Amino acid sequence: MVKAVVGEESHLKLAEDRLAQSAIPAQVGLVIGKLSSNLDRGFVFDLVPTPVNDAGVPACSLLEPSKDDKKKGSKSKSQATDSSSLVVDNDWVAEHARQVSRMLLGGMKVVGIYVWVGDSAFKNSTIMLCQTVKAVADAASLSDTDLDERILIHICYSPRRWTCRNCSLASNITSSNLRPCDFKMGKVLNSLQTFKCMYNFDLRLPIYKNASNVRTLTDVLRHVISIHAKELKSAKAVIDGNLVVNDEPCTSDGLHEVELLLPFMKNASTEGNQKEVTGVIAFSGSVCSYAYLNSKEPISQAVAQIKEDIILSLQSRLDIICDEADGDTGPSDAEIKEASDGMSTENPVSQLSIHLLRKTCNVSFPRRVFIPWLAGMLVCDYLQSSETLEVLKDHCKELLSMETTLDSLTILEPEVEAPTLIARSFWDVAAPLGPASSSSSNSSSPLETHRGETGAKTIKSANVNILLAAFFLLLSVIVGFVLLQSKHHNS
């Protein structure tokens, strides 16, 4: 349980000044930071306001007392003001949290919400705010071992003060879900240490006919990523050339290079009856990952954050492909090199049925790029092959309220090539086995074609050897018969 929260003073004061100058009666947004179960403390890096929705309506507003209440003589003006409350668009705030969480790296999370509102309106809206916190937690989870709590920061403008509450994520939302939490401002970002990992992977997985939970290409991808997430947990880590064997804090400064070593494991994907295989998935590429660790946390936490960031990055890229497919898409799944025979080309690649593919399907994932954010910390974004760097400026401005120009951004692009998935159907796999699959012979790889030619040459050579053996056998019989007759004639 988080007992105390420390906020980065320099950035929180800027946020407070921005809110005071805006003269708006209420605002809600996301709290970016981290909750450390090891230290029982929370750290706040910055506050990010939730933008207006597509209709231009703010994410929250004050609900004033009705006219009937104002007409009642028994209530004074101050009492009417005290009865105001907040109305929050929980779905929109949760969607903002979902998209922002994609841009955050290891050790950086959406840890709660903040609200800028008067004291009386806050007290009248605790249930509503708890529901908003719950929606944000569902949209942007912290990790597999997710804490059942988030924080709620209230910035009161009259009188001006900051308070923090720990919000329990219990199923039944009541006012008792909020508990006071110690809050202070200080230096947070200066004590963070940076870890970087360039992770290369090459995953291959057969697709079985009896896999009832694997139908579309999206299902297969999620299955592949979940399998690799379990394998990655057991990977050993080498940091700055030294194998991580203890749980002590990292004392050295600077950028720390991380290398992950996967254990030698029996490849379970090769098990099973070959007759049940309907296709093969090949998923390979490189993922650049960063993680930020508090100097008092154990170094094993940085390793766990790197591993989690790698998996979340792959999942985020898949979600982006699916989001675009659901939104618009026909040709954007144009990352697909060859569509499936017999299926409508209007279907997005993410919805293609893997069991009905007739040709090799090649999908290029979005590429991860990095943008400087706070005090040397980075955030990330994802670019499709058809997108330019200009979209980064729009994303940063809308989602993170970064007032900057594209020219001033120092964009890092360590991933030269995006991860790629190749789905080969049963027809491609079975093509070299016989002449029946003539429709797939043109889509066979050069390696497969070469193998087929080599087999034909081997058969021809074997036939010649049999003929030669028969000829020499017959010749030896004739020679033996002639010698026998000659011997008989001489006698």
Protein backbone atom coordinates (compact mmCIF):
# COMPACT_ATOMS: atom_id res chain seq x y z
CA MET A 1 0.00 0.00 0.00
CA VAL A 2 1.29 3.45 -0.95
CA LYS A 3 1.65 5.48 2.23
CA ALA A 4 3.32 8.63 0.87
CA VAL A 5 3.58 10.41 -2.48
CA VAL A 6 6.33 12.74 -3.68
CA GLY A 7 5.74 15.00 -6.67
CA GLU A 8 8.30 16.65 -8.93
CA GLU A 9 8.14 20.21 -7.65
CA SER A 10 9.30 21.99 -10.81
CA HIS A 11 6.66 20.48 -13.07
CA LEU A 12 3.79 20.44 -10.58
CA LYS A 13 4.27 24.13 -9.85
CA LEU A 14 4.13 24.83 -13.60
CA ALA A 15 0.89 22.86 -13.80
CA GLU A 16 -0.55 24.84 -10.89
CA ASP A 17 0.36 28.16 -12.51
CA ARG A 18 -1.16 27.02 -15.81
CA LEU A 19 -4.42 26.12 -14.11
CA ALA A 20 -4.57 29.36 -12.12
CA GLN A 21 -4.04 31.47 -15.26
CA SER A 22 -6.69 29.56 -17.22
CA ALA A 23 -9.50 30.69 -14.89
CA ILE A 24 -11.46 27.51 -15.64
CA PRO A 25 -13.78 26.27 -12.87
CA ALA A 26 -12.81 22.60 -13.18
CA GLN A 27 -10.35 20.33 -14.96
CA VAL A 28 -9.50 16.64 -14.84
CA GLY A 29 -6.41 14.89 -16.14
CA LEU A 30 -3.94 12.07 -15.68
CA VAL A 31 -1.19 11.65 -13.08
CA ILE A 32 2.00 10.26 -14.65
CA GLY A 33 4.51 8.62 -12.33
CA LYS A 34 5.11 5.30 -10.65
CA LEU A 35 3.89 3.41 -7.58
CA SER A 36 6.63 1.41 -5.87
CA SER A 37 5.44 -1.55 -3.83
CA ASN A 38 9.02 -2.10 -2.66
CA LEU A 39 9.20 1.36 -1.10
CA ASP A 40 5.47 1.80 -0.30
CA ARG A 41 5.71 5.18 -1.98
CA GLY A 42 4.40 6.89 -5.04
CA PHE A 43 6.26 9.28 -7.32
CA VAL A 44 4.56 11.88 -9.52
CA PHE A 45 6.44 13.10 -12.60
CA ASP A 46 3.83 15.35 -14.22
CA LEU A 47 0.14 16.08 -14.70
CA VAL A 48 -1.41 15.75 -18.16
CA PRO A 49 -4.82 17.38 -18.77
CA THR A 50 -7.42 15.36 -20.65
CA PRO A 51 -8.23 17.19 -23.92
CA VAL A 52 -11.71 18.09 -25.10
CA ASN A 53 -13.58 15.32 -26.90
CA ASP A 54 -14.36 15.18 -30.61
CA ALA A 55 -17.34 17.47 -30.08
CA GLY A 56 -15.18 20.07 -28.33
CA VAL A 57 -16.68 19.36 -24.89
CA PRO A 58 -14.35 19.32 -21.84
CA ALA A 59 -13.87 16.05 -19.98
CA CYS A 60 -15.42 17.52 -16.82
CA SER A 61 -17.67 20.36 -15.82
CA LEU A 62 -19.41 21.78 -12.77
CA LEU A 63 -23.04 20.89 -12.24
CA GLU A 64 -24.67 23.92 -10.67
CA PRO A 65 -27.80 23.75 -8.49
CA SER A 66 -31.08 23.75 -10.38
CA LYS A 67 -33.24 26.87 -10.68
CA ASP A 68 -35.79 25.42 -8.28
CA ASP A 69 -33.14 25.12 -5.60
CA LYS A 70 -32.02 28.69 -6.17
CA LYS A 71 -35.59 29.99 -5.79
CA LYS A 72 -35.99 28.40 -2.37
CA GLY A 73 -35.64 31.13 0.20
CA SER A 74 -34.35 28.72 2.82
CA LYS A 75 -31.02 28.43 0.98
CA SER A 76 -28.56 31.25 0.84
CA LYS A 77 -26.28 31.93 -2.13
CA SER A 78 -23.32 30.30 -0.39
CA GLN A 79 -25.36 27.18 0.33
CA ALA A 80 -26.37 26.96 -3.32
CA THR A 81 -22.74 27.26 -4.35
CA ASP A 82 -21.77 24.55 -1.89
CA SER A 83 -24.18 22.13 -3.54
CA SER A 84 -22.37 22.18 -6.90
CA SER A 85 -20.71 18.95 -8.03
CA LEU A 86 -18.57 17.55 -10.83
CA VAL A 87 -19.70 15.75 -13.95
CA VAL A 88 -16.90 13.69 -15.51
CA ASP A 89 -16.88 11.87 -18.84
CA ASN A 90 -15.32 8.67 -17.51
CA ASP A 91 -15.14 6.94 -20.88
CA TRP A 92 -13.26 9.83 -22.45
CA VAL A 93 -10.77 10.11 -19.57
CA ALA A 94 -10.22 6.34 -19.72
CA GLU A 95 -9.59 6.51 -23.48
CA HIS A 96 -7.06 9.28 -22.89
CA ALA A 97 -5.34 7.07 -20.31
CA ARG A 98 -5.27 4.14 -22.73
CA GLN A 99 -3.57 6.15 -25.45
CA VAL A 100 -1.12 7.90 -23.13
CA SER A 101 -0.08 4.59 -21.56
CA ARG A 102 1.15 3.46 -24.99
CA MET A 103 3.57 6.38 -25.04
CA LEU A 104 5.09 5.67 -21.62
CA LEU A 105 8.20 3.57 -21.12
CA GLY A 106 9.26 1.16 -18.37
CA GLY A 107 8.84 2.65 -14.90
CA MET A 108 6.39 5.30 -16.15
CA LYS A 109 2.67 4.72 -15.69
CA VAL A 110 -0.69 6.41 -15.46
CA VAL A 111 -1.02 6.11 -11.68
CA GLY A 112 -4.26 8.02 -11.16
CA ILE A 113 -6.05 11.28 -11.91
CA TYR A 114 -5.96 14.86 -10.70
CA VAL A 115 -8.82 17.31 -10.44
CA TRP A 116 -8.75 21.10 -10.26
CA VAL A 117 -11.91 22.20 -8.47
CA GLY A 118 -13.17 23.94 -5.35
CA ASP A 119 -13.30 22.16 -2.04
CA SER A 120 -17.09 21.88 -1.78
CA ALA A 121 -17.53 20.53 -5.31
CA PHE A 122 -14.81 17.97 -4.62
CA LYS A 123 -16.53 16.74 -1.46
CA ASN A 124 -19.82 16.41 -3.35
CA SER A 125 -18.19 14.37 -6.13
CA THR A 126 -16.10 11.70 -4.40
CA ILE A 127 -18.16 8.80 -5.76
CA MET A 128 -17.93 10.17 -9.30
CA LEU A 129 -14.17 10.64 -8.99
CA CYS A 130 -13.68 7.13 -7.62
CA GLN A 131 -15.52 5.79 -10.64
CA THR A 132 -13.21 7.80 -12.90
CA VAL A 133 -10.15 6.41 -11.16
CA LYS A 134 -11.52 2.88 -11.62
CA ALA A 135 -12.14 3.48 -15.33
CA VAL A 136 -8.60 4.79 -15.79
CA ALA A 137 -7.14 1.80 -13.93
CA ASP A 138 -9.05 -0.60 -16.19
CA ALA A 139 -7.87 1.20 -19.33
CA ALA A 140 -4.21 1.51 -18.30
CA SER A 141 -3.08 -1.29 -15.98
CA LEU A 142 0.22 -0.99 -14.13
CA SER A 143 1.55 -4.53 -14.60
CA ASP A 144 0.67 -8.22 -14.37
CA THR A 145 0.92 -7.92 -10.58
CA ASP A 146 -1.25 -4.84 -10.61
CA LEU A 147 -1.69 -2.91 -7.37
CA ASP A 148 -5.31 -2.57 -6.35
CA GLU A 149 -4.94 1.15 -5.75
CA ARG A 150 -4.40 4.44 -7.56
CA ILE A 151 -3.96 8.00 -6.38
CA LEU A 152 -6.30 10.98 -6.63
CA ILE A 153 -4.76 14.44 -6.39
CA HIS A 154 -7.02 17.37 -5.59
CA ILE A 155 -5.75 20.86 -6.42
CA CYS A 156 -8.04 23.26 -4.63
CA TYR A 157 -8.07 26.87 -5.83
CA SER A 158 -9.87 28.40 -2.86
CA PRO A 159 -7.89 28.18 -0.66
CA ARG A 160 -4.93 27.07 -2.81
CA ARG A 161 -3.66 23.69 -1.61
CA TRP A 162 -2.73 20.20 -2.77
CA THR A 163 -4.08 17.02 -1.19
CA CYS A 164 -3.58 13.40 -2.18
CA ARG A 165 -5.77 10.38 -1.53
CA ASN A 166 -5.22 6.69 -2.03
CA CYS A 167 -8.12 5.22 -4.00
CA SER A 168 -8.89 1.52 -3.55
CA LEU A 169 -10.12 -0.29 -6.66
CA ALA A 170 -12.73 -2.35 -4.84
CA SER A 171 -15.71 -3.49 -6.89
CA ASN A 172 -18.17 -1.55 -4.75
CA ILE A 173 -17.35 2.14 -5.06
CA THR A 174 -18.10 4.13 -1.90
CA SER A 175 -16.63 7.18 -0.22
CA SER A 176 -14.64 4.85 2.02
CA ASN A 177 -12.51 3.91 -1.00
CA LEU A 178 -10.62 7.18 -0.54
CA ARG A 179 -8.00 7.36 2.19
CA PRO A 180 -5.74 10.29 3.04
CA CYS A 181 -2.16 9.95 1.81
CA ASP A 182 0.88 12.03 2.72
CA PHE A 183 1.87 14.32 -0.14
CA LYS A 184 4.84 16.59 -0.60
CA MET A 185 6.84 18.14 -3.41
CA GLY A 186 10.53 17.62 -3.98
CA LYS A 187 13.14 16.43 -6.48
CA VAL A 188 12.02 13.22 -8.16
CA LEU A 189 13.37 13.18 -11.70
CA ASN A 190 16.97 13.86 -10.73
CA SER A 191 17.17 10.58 -8.80
CA LEU A 192 15.99 8.40 -11.70
CA GLN A 193 18.40 6.07 -13.48
CA THR A 194 18.02 5.12 -17.14
CA PHE A 195 18.25 1.60 -18.56
CA LYS A 196 18.21 0.75 -22.26
CA CYS A 197 17.81 -2.60 -24.03
CA MET A 198 17.85 -3.47 -27.73
CA TYR A 199 16.02 -6.78 -27.83
CA ASN A 200 16.10 -8.99 -30.93
CA PHE A 201 13.57 -11.80 -31.27
CA ASP A 202 12.67 -14.49 -33.77
CA LEU A 203 9.54 -16.44 -32.85
CA ARG A 204 8.10 -19.36 -34.82
CA LEU A 205 4.88 -21.08 -33.93
CA PRO A 206 2.77 -23.64 -35.80
CA ILE A 207 -0.96 -23.07 -36.07
CA TYR A 208 -2.95 -26.15 -35.09
CA LYS A 209 -6.29 -27.08 -36.54
CA ASN A 210 -7.82 -27.87 -33.14
CA ALA A 211 -6.90 -24.47 -31.64
CA SER A 212 -10.47 -23.24 -31.11
CA ASN A 213 -9.33 -19.97 -29.51
CA VAL A 214 -7.15 -19.02 -32.47
CA ARG A 215 -9.20 -17.92 -35.45
CA THR A 216 -8.03 -14.59 -36.90
CA LEU A 217 -4.54 -13.30 -37.42
CA THR A 218 -5.06 -11.01 -34.41
CA ASP A 219 -5.84 -14.03 -32.22
CA VAL A 220 -2.66 -15.73 -33.40
CA LEU A 221 -0.55 -12.65 -32.70
CA ARG A 222 -1.91 -12.22 -29.19
CA HIS A 223 -1.27 -15.91 -28.56
CA VAL A 224 2.33 -15.63 -29.80
CA ILE A 225 3.01 -12.54 -27.68
CA SER A 226 1.50 -14.13 -24.55
CA ILE A 227 3.65 -17.23 -24.99
CA HIS A 228 6.79 -15.15 -25.40
CA ALA A 229 5.90 -13.03 -22.36
CA LYS A 230 6.05 -16.16 -20.21
CA GLU A 231 9.42 -17.15 -21.68
CA LEU A 232 10.82 -13.64 -21.26
CA LYS A 233 10.09 -13.65 -17.52
CA SER A 234 12.73 -16.32 -16.97
CA ALA A 235 15.40 -14.50 -19.00
CA LYS A 236 18.63 -13.55 -17.25
CA ALA A 237 19.89 -9.98 -17.51
CA VAL A 238 23.36 -8.58 -18.10
CA ILE A 239 23.69 -4.90 -17.18
CA ASP A 240 26.81 -3.03 -18.30
CA GLY A 241 28.50 -6.37 -18.93
CA ASN A 242 27.72 -7.83 -15.48
CA LEU A 243 25.24 -10.62 -14.83
CA VAL A 244 22.51 -9.51 -12.42
CA VAL A 245 22.68 -11.90 -9.47
CA ASN A 246 21.64 -9.74 -6.51
CA ASP A 247 18.83 -7.40 -5.57
CA GLU A 248 20.88 -4.38 -4.55
CA PRO A 249 20.23 -0.85 -5.83
CA CYS A 250 22.22 0.40 -8.81
CA THR A 251 24.75 2.93 -7.54
CA SER A 252 26.40 4.11 -10.78
CA ASP A 253 25.04 6.97 -12.89
CA GLY A 254 24.66 7.32 -16.64
CA LEU A 255 22.90 5.18 -19.21
CA HIS A 256 22.91 1.47 -18.35
CA GLU A 257 22.93 -1.06 -21.20
CA VAL A 258 20.79 -4.16 -20.62
CA GLU A 259 21.05 -7.47 -22.46
CA LEU A 260 18.50 -10.24 -21.93
CA LEU A 261 19.55 -13.90 -22.17
CA LEU A 262 16.75 -16.37 -22.80
CA PRO A 263 17.27 -19.84 -21.31
CA PHE A 264 17.63 -22.91 -23.51
CA MET A 265 14.15 -24.37 -23.45
CA LYS A 266 12.45 -27.23 -25.15
CA ASN A 267 10.52 -25.78 -28.04
CA ALA A 268 6.98 -26.77 -27.22
CA SER A 269 5.80 -25.41 -30.54
CA THR A 270 7.30 -28.38 -32.35
CA GLU A 271 5.26 -30.87 -30.37
CA GLY A 272 2.07 -32.36 -31.69
CA ASN A 273 0.94 -34.27 -34.70
CA GLN A 274 2.12 -32.76 -37.96
CA LYS A 275 -1.22 -33.64 -39.54
CA GLU A 276 -2.91 -31.08 -37.25
CA VAL A 277 -0.79 -28.15 -38.44
CA THR A 278 -2.64 -25.68 -40.67
CA GLY A 279 0.01 -22.96 -40.86
CA VAL A 280 3.16 -21.43 -39.47
CA ILE A 281 3.72 -18.01 -37.85
CA ALA A 282 7.14 -16.35 -38.06
CA PHE A 283 7.39 -13.17 -35.96
CA SER A 284 10.76 -11.43 -35.82
CA GLY A 285 12.35 -8.02 -35.38
CA SER A 286 13.94 -5.68 -32.83
CA VAL A 287 12.39 -3.76 -29.95
CA CYS A 288 14.18 -0.83 -28.33
CA SER A 289 13.17 -0.50 -24.68
CA TYR A 290 13.87 2.02 -21.92
CA ALA A 291 13.15 1.89 -18.20
CA TYR A 292 13.51 4.42 -15.40
CA LEU A 293 14.35 3.35 -11.86
CA ASN A 294 14.43 5.23 -8.60
CA SER A 295 17.90 5.09 -7.05
CA LYS A 296 16.54 3.37 -3.93
CA GLU A 297 14.79 0.55 -5.81
CA PRO A 298 16.53 -2.81 -6.42
CA ILE A 299 18.13 -3.35 -9.81
CA SER A 300 15.90 -6.37 -10.41
CA GLN A 301 13.01 -3.92 -10.70
CA ALA A 302 14.66 -2.31 -13.72
CA VAL A 303 15.00 -5.72 -15.36
CA ALA A 304 11.32 -6.46 -14.73
CA GLN A 305 10.35 -3.07 -16.16
CA ILE A 306 12.41 -3.68 -19.31
CA LYS A 307 10.75 -7.07 -19.87
CA GLU A 308 7.30 -5.62 -19.30
CA ASP A 309 7.99 -2.69 -21.62
CA ILE A 310 9.03 -5.05 -24.45
CA ILE A 311 5.81 -7.05 -24.24
CA LEU A 312 3.61 -3.96 -23.83
CA SER A 313 5.30 -2.40 -26.86
CA LEU A 314 4.45 -5.43 -29.02
CA GLN A 315 0.89 -5.43 -27.71
CA SER A 316 0.54 -1.69 -28.35
CA ARG A 317 1.64 -2.11 -31.97
CA LEU A 318 -0.93 -4.85 -32.46
CA ASP A 319 -3.62 -2.67 -30.84
CA ILE A 320 -2.75 0.18 -33.22
CA ILE A 321 -3.18 -2.10 -36.22
CA CYS A 322 -6.52 -3.32 -34.86
CA ASP A 323 -7.70 0.21 -34.00
CA GLU A 324 -7.04 1.40 -37.52
CA ALA A 325 -8.74 -1.69 -38.93
CA ASP A 326 -11.84 -1.03 -36.80
CA GLY A 327 -11.86 2.66 -37.66
CA ASP A 328 -11.41 2.84 -41.33
CA THR A 329 -9.13 0.80 -42.93
CA GLY A 330 -9.24 -1.17 -45.94
CA PRO A 331 -5.98 -0.37 -47.59
CA SER A 332 -4.06 0.40 -44.42
CA ASP A 333 -3.79 -3.12 -43.80
CA ALA A 334 -2.04 -2.62 -46.96
CA GLU A 335 1.03 -3.61 -45.06
CA ILE A 336 -0.10 -7.04 -46.18
CA LYS A 337 1.85 -8.17 -49.19
CA GLU A 338 -0.57 -10.79 -50.49
CA ALA A 339 -4.18 -11.18 -49.42
CA SER A 340 -5.83 -14.50 -48.90
CA ASP A 341 -7.33 -16.22 -51.94
CA GLY A 342 -11.06 -16.68 -51.62
CA MET A 343 -11.47 -13.88 -49.04
CA SER A 344 -12.70 -10.36 -49.58
CA THR A 345 -9.86 -7.89 -49.98
CA GLU A 346 -11.99 -5.41 -48.01
CA ASN A 347 -11.32 -7.39 -44.86
CA PRO A 348 -8.50 -5.89 -42.78
CA VAL A 349 -5.47 -8.06 -42.29
CA SER A 350 -6.12 -8.28 -38.56
CA GLN A 351 -9.46 -10.00 -39.25
CA LEU A 352 -8.21 -12.53 -41.79
CA SER A 353 -8.96 -16.11 -40.81
CA ILE A 354 -5.63 -17.88 -40.52
CA HIS A 355 -7.18 -21.22 -41.48
CA LEU A 356 -8.43 -19.84 -44.82
CA LEU A 357 -5.19 -18.26 -46.00
CA ARG A 358 -3.97 -19.56 -49.35
CA LYS A 359 -0.83 -17.46 -49.72
CA THR A 360 1.91 -16.07 -47.52
CA CYS A 361 0.75 -13.07 -45.46
CA ASN A 362 3.41 -10.47 -44.59
CA VAL A 363 2.52 -7.79 -42.01
CA SER A 364 4.82 -4.95 -40.98
CA PHE A 365 4.27 -3.60 -37.46
CA PRO A 366 4.50 0.11 -36.56
CA ARG A 367 7.99 1.36 -35.77
CA ARG A 368 8.79 2.75 -32.31
CA VAL A 369 10.37 6.21 -32.07
CA PHE A 370 11.36 8.22 -28.99
CA ILE A 371 10.81 11.86 -28.05
CA PRO A 372 12.43 13.83 -25.18
CA TRP A 373 9.90 14.75 -22.51
CA LEU A 374 10.94 15.63 -18.94
CA ALA A 375 14.48 16.24 -17.68
CA GLY A 376 16.04 13.86 -20.17
CA MET A 377 13.26 11.26 -19.86
CA LEU A 378 11.80 9.92 -23.08
CA VAL A 379 8.33 8.99 -24.25
CA CYS A 380 7.57 6.97 -27.36
CA ASP A 381 5.20 6.89 -30.27
CA TYR A 382 4.57 4.50 -33.16
CA LEU A 383 4.76 5.20 -36.87
CA GLN A 384 3.21 3.19 -39.65
CA SER A 385 5.27 2.90 -42.83
CA SER A 386 2.89 5.34 -44.54
CA GLU A 387 3.13 7.98 -41.79
CA THR A 388 5.60 10.85 -41.47
CA LEU A 389 7.21 12.41 -38.41
CA GLU A 390 4.64 15.21 -38.58
CA VAL A 391 2.09 13.01 -36.79
CA LEU A 392 4.38 12.91 -33.75
CA LYS A 393 3.85 16.61 -33.15
CA ASP A 394 0.08 16.21 -33.20
CA HIS A 395 0.14 13.21 -30.86
CA CYS A 396 2.47 14.91 -28.37
CA LYS A 397 0.41 18.08 -28.35
CA GLU A 398 -2.98 16.40 -28.03
CA LEU A 399 -2.16 13.57 -25.64
CA LEU A 400 0.68 15.01 -23.53
CA SER A 401 0.08 18.78 -23.93
CA MET A 402 3.62 19.25 -25.23
CA GLU A 403 3.81 22.73 -26.72
CA THR A 404 6.67 22.23 -29.12
CA THR A 405 7.46 22.27 -32.81
CA LEU A 406 8.64 19.31 -34.81
CA ASP A 407 11.91 21.09 -35.61
CA SER A 408 12.74 21.38 -31.92
CA LEU A 409 12.13 17.69 -31.23
CA THR A 410 15.16 15.45 -31.06
CA ILE A 411 13.57 12.28 -32.33
CA LEU A 412 15.42 9.03 -31.72
CA GLU A 413 14.89 6.21 -34.21
CA PRO A 414 16.90 3.19 -32.97
CA GLU A 415 14.55 0.70 -34.62
CA VAL A 416 15.75 0.81 -38.21
CA GLU A 417 13.25 -1.82 -39.32
CA ALA A 418 9.87 -2.52 -37.78
CA PRO A 419 9.02 -6.00 -36.45
CA THR A 420 7.50 -8.18 -39.15
CA LEU A 421 5.09 -11.08 -39.07
CA ILE A 422 4.91 -13.73 -41.79
CA ALA A 423 1.94 -16.10 -41.70
CA ARG A 424 2.29 -19.12 -43.95
CA SER A 425 -0.80 -21.22 -44.45
CA PHE A 426 -1.04 -25.00 -44.62
CA TRP A 427 -1.01 -24.74 -48.41
CA ASP A 428 2.43 -23.12 -48.38
CA VAL A 429 3.73 -25.65 -45.88
CA ALA A 430 2.38 -28.64 -47.79
CA ALA A 431 3.29 -27.40 -51.31
CA PRO A 432 6.70 -29.14 -51.53
CA LEU A 433 5.19 -32.48 -50.43
CA GLY A 434 3.38 -33.31 -53.66
CA PRO A 435 1.94 -32.04 -56.94
CA ALA A 436 -1.61 -31.64 -55.61
CA SER A 437 -1.11 -28.03 -54.41
CA SER A 438 -0.40 -26.53 -57.80
CA SER A 439 -2.19 -23.29 -56.86
CA SER A 440 0.41 -22.60 -54.18
CA SER A 441 3.47 -23.58 -56.17
CA ASN A 442 3.96 -20.06 -57.48
CA SER A 443 4.03 -18.65 -53.95
CA SER A 444 6.62 -21.07 -52.67
CA SER A 445 9.83 -19.55 -51.42
CA PRO A 446 13.08 -19.95 -53.41
CA LEU A 447 14.34 -22.28 -50.71
CA GLU A 448 11.30 -24.52 -51.11
CA THR A 449 11.65 -24.50 -54.89
CA HIS A 450 15.29 -25.44 -54.61
CA ARG A 451 14.40 -28.30 -52.32
CA GLY A 452 11.85 -29.58 -54.82
CA GLU A 453 14.35 -29.47 -57.68
CA THR A 454 16.92 -31.32 -55.59
CA GLY A 455 14.40 -34.07 -54.84
CA ALA A 456 13.61 -34.55 -58.53
CA LYS A 457 17.31 -34.83 -59.39
CA THR A 458 17.75 -37.41 -56.62
CA ILE A 459 14.93 -39.55 -58.00
CA LYS A 460 16.39 -39.44 -61.54
CA SER A 461 19.82 -40.40 -60.22
CA ALA A 462 18.36 -43.32 -58.30
CA ASN A 463 16.59 -44.61 -61.42
CA VAL A 464 19.86 -44.51 -63.44
CA ASN A 465 21.68 -46.44 -60.71
CA ILE A 466 19.01 -49.15 -60.73
CA LEU A 467 19.27 -49.55 -64.51
CA LEU A 468 23.06 -49.75 -64.35
CA ALA A 469 22.91 -52.38 -61.59
CA ALA A 470 20.45 -54.45 -63.59
CA PHE A 471 22.63 -54.17 -66.69
CA PHE A 472 25.77 -55.34 -64.88
CA LEU A 473 23.84 -58.18 -63.25
CA LEU A 474 22.56 -59.36 -66.62
CA LEU A 475 26.03 -58.99 -68.14
CA SER A 476 27.59 -61.06 -65.37
CA VAL A 477 25.00 -63.81 -65.89
CA ILE A 478 25.72 -63.90 -69.63
CA VAL A 479 29.49 -63.97 -69.10
CA GLY A 480 29.14 -66.76 -66.54
CA PHE A 481 26.93 -68.76 -68.90
CA VAL A 482 29.45 -68.35 -71.77
CA LEU A 483 32.36 -69.44 -69.58
CA LEU A 484 30.40 -72.45 -68.36
CA GLN A 485 29.58 -73.55 -71.93
CA SER A 486 33.18 -73.05 -73.00
CA LYS A 487 34.46 -75.19 -70.15
CA HIS A 488 31.95 -77.90 -70.96
CA HIS A 489 32.96 -77.87 -74.63
CA ASN A 490 36.68 -78.22 -73.81
CA SER A 491 36.04 -81.20 -71.55
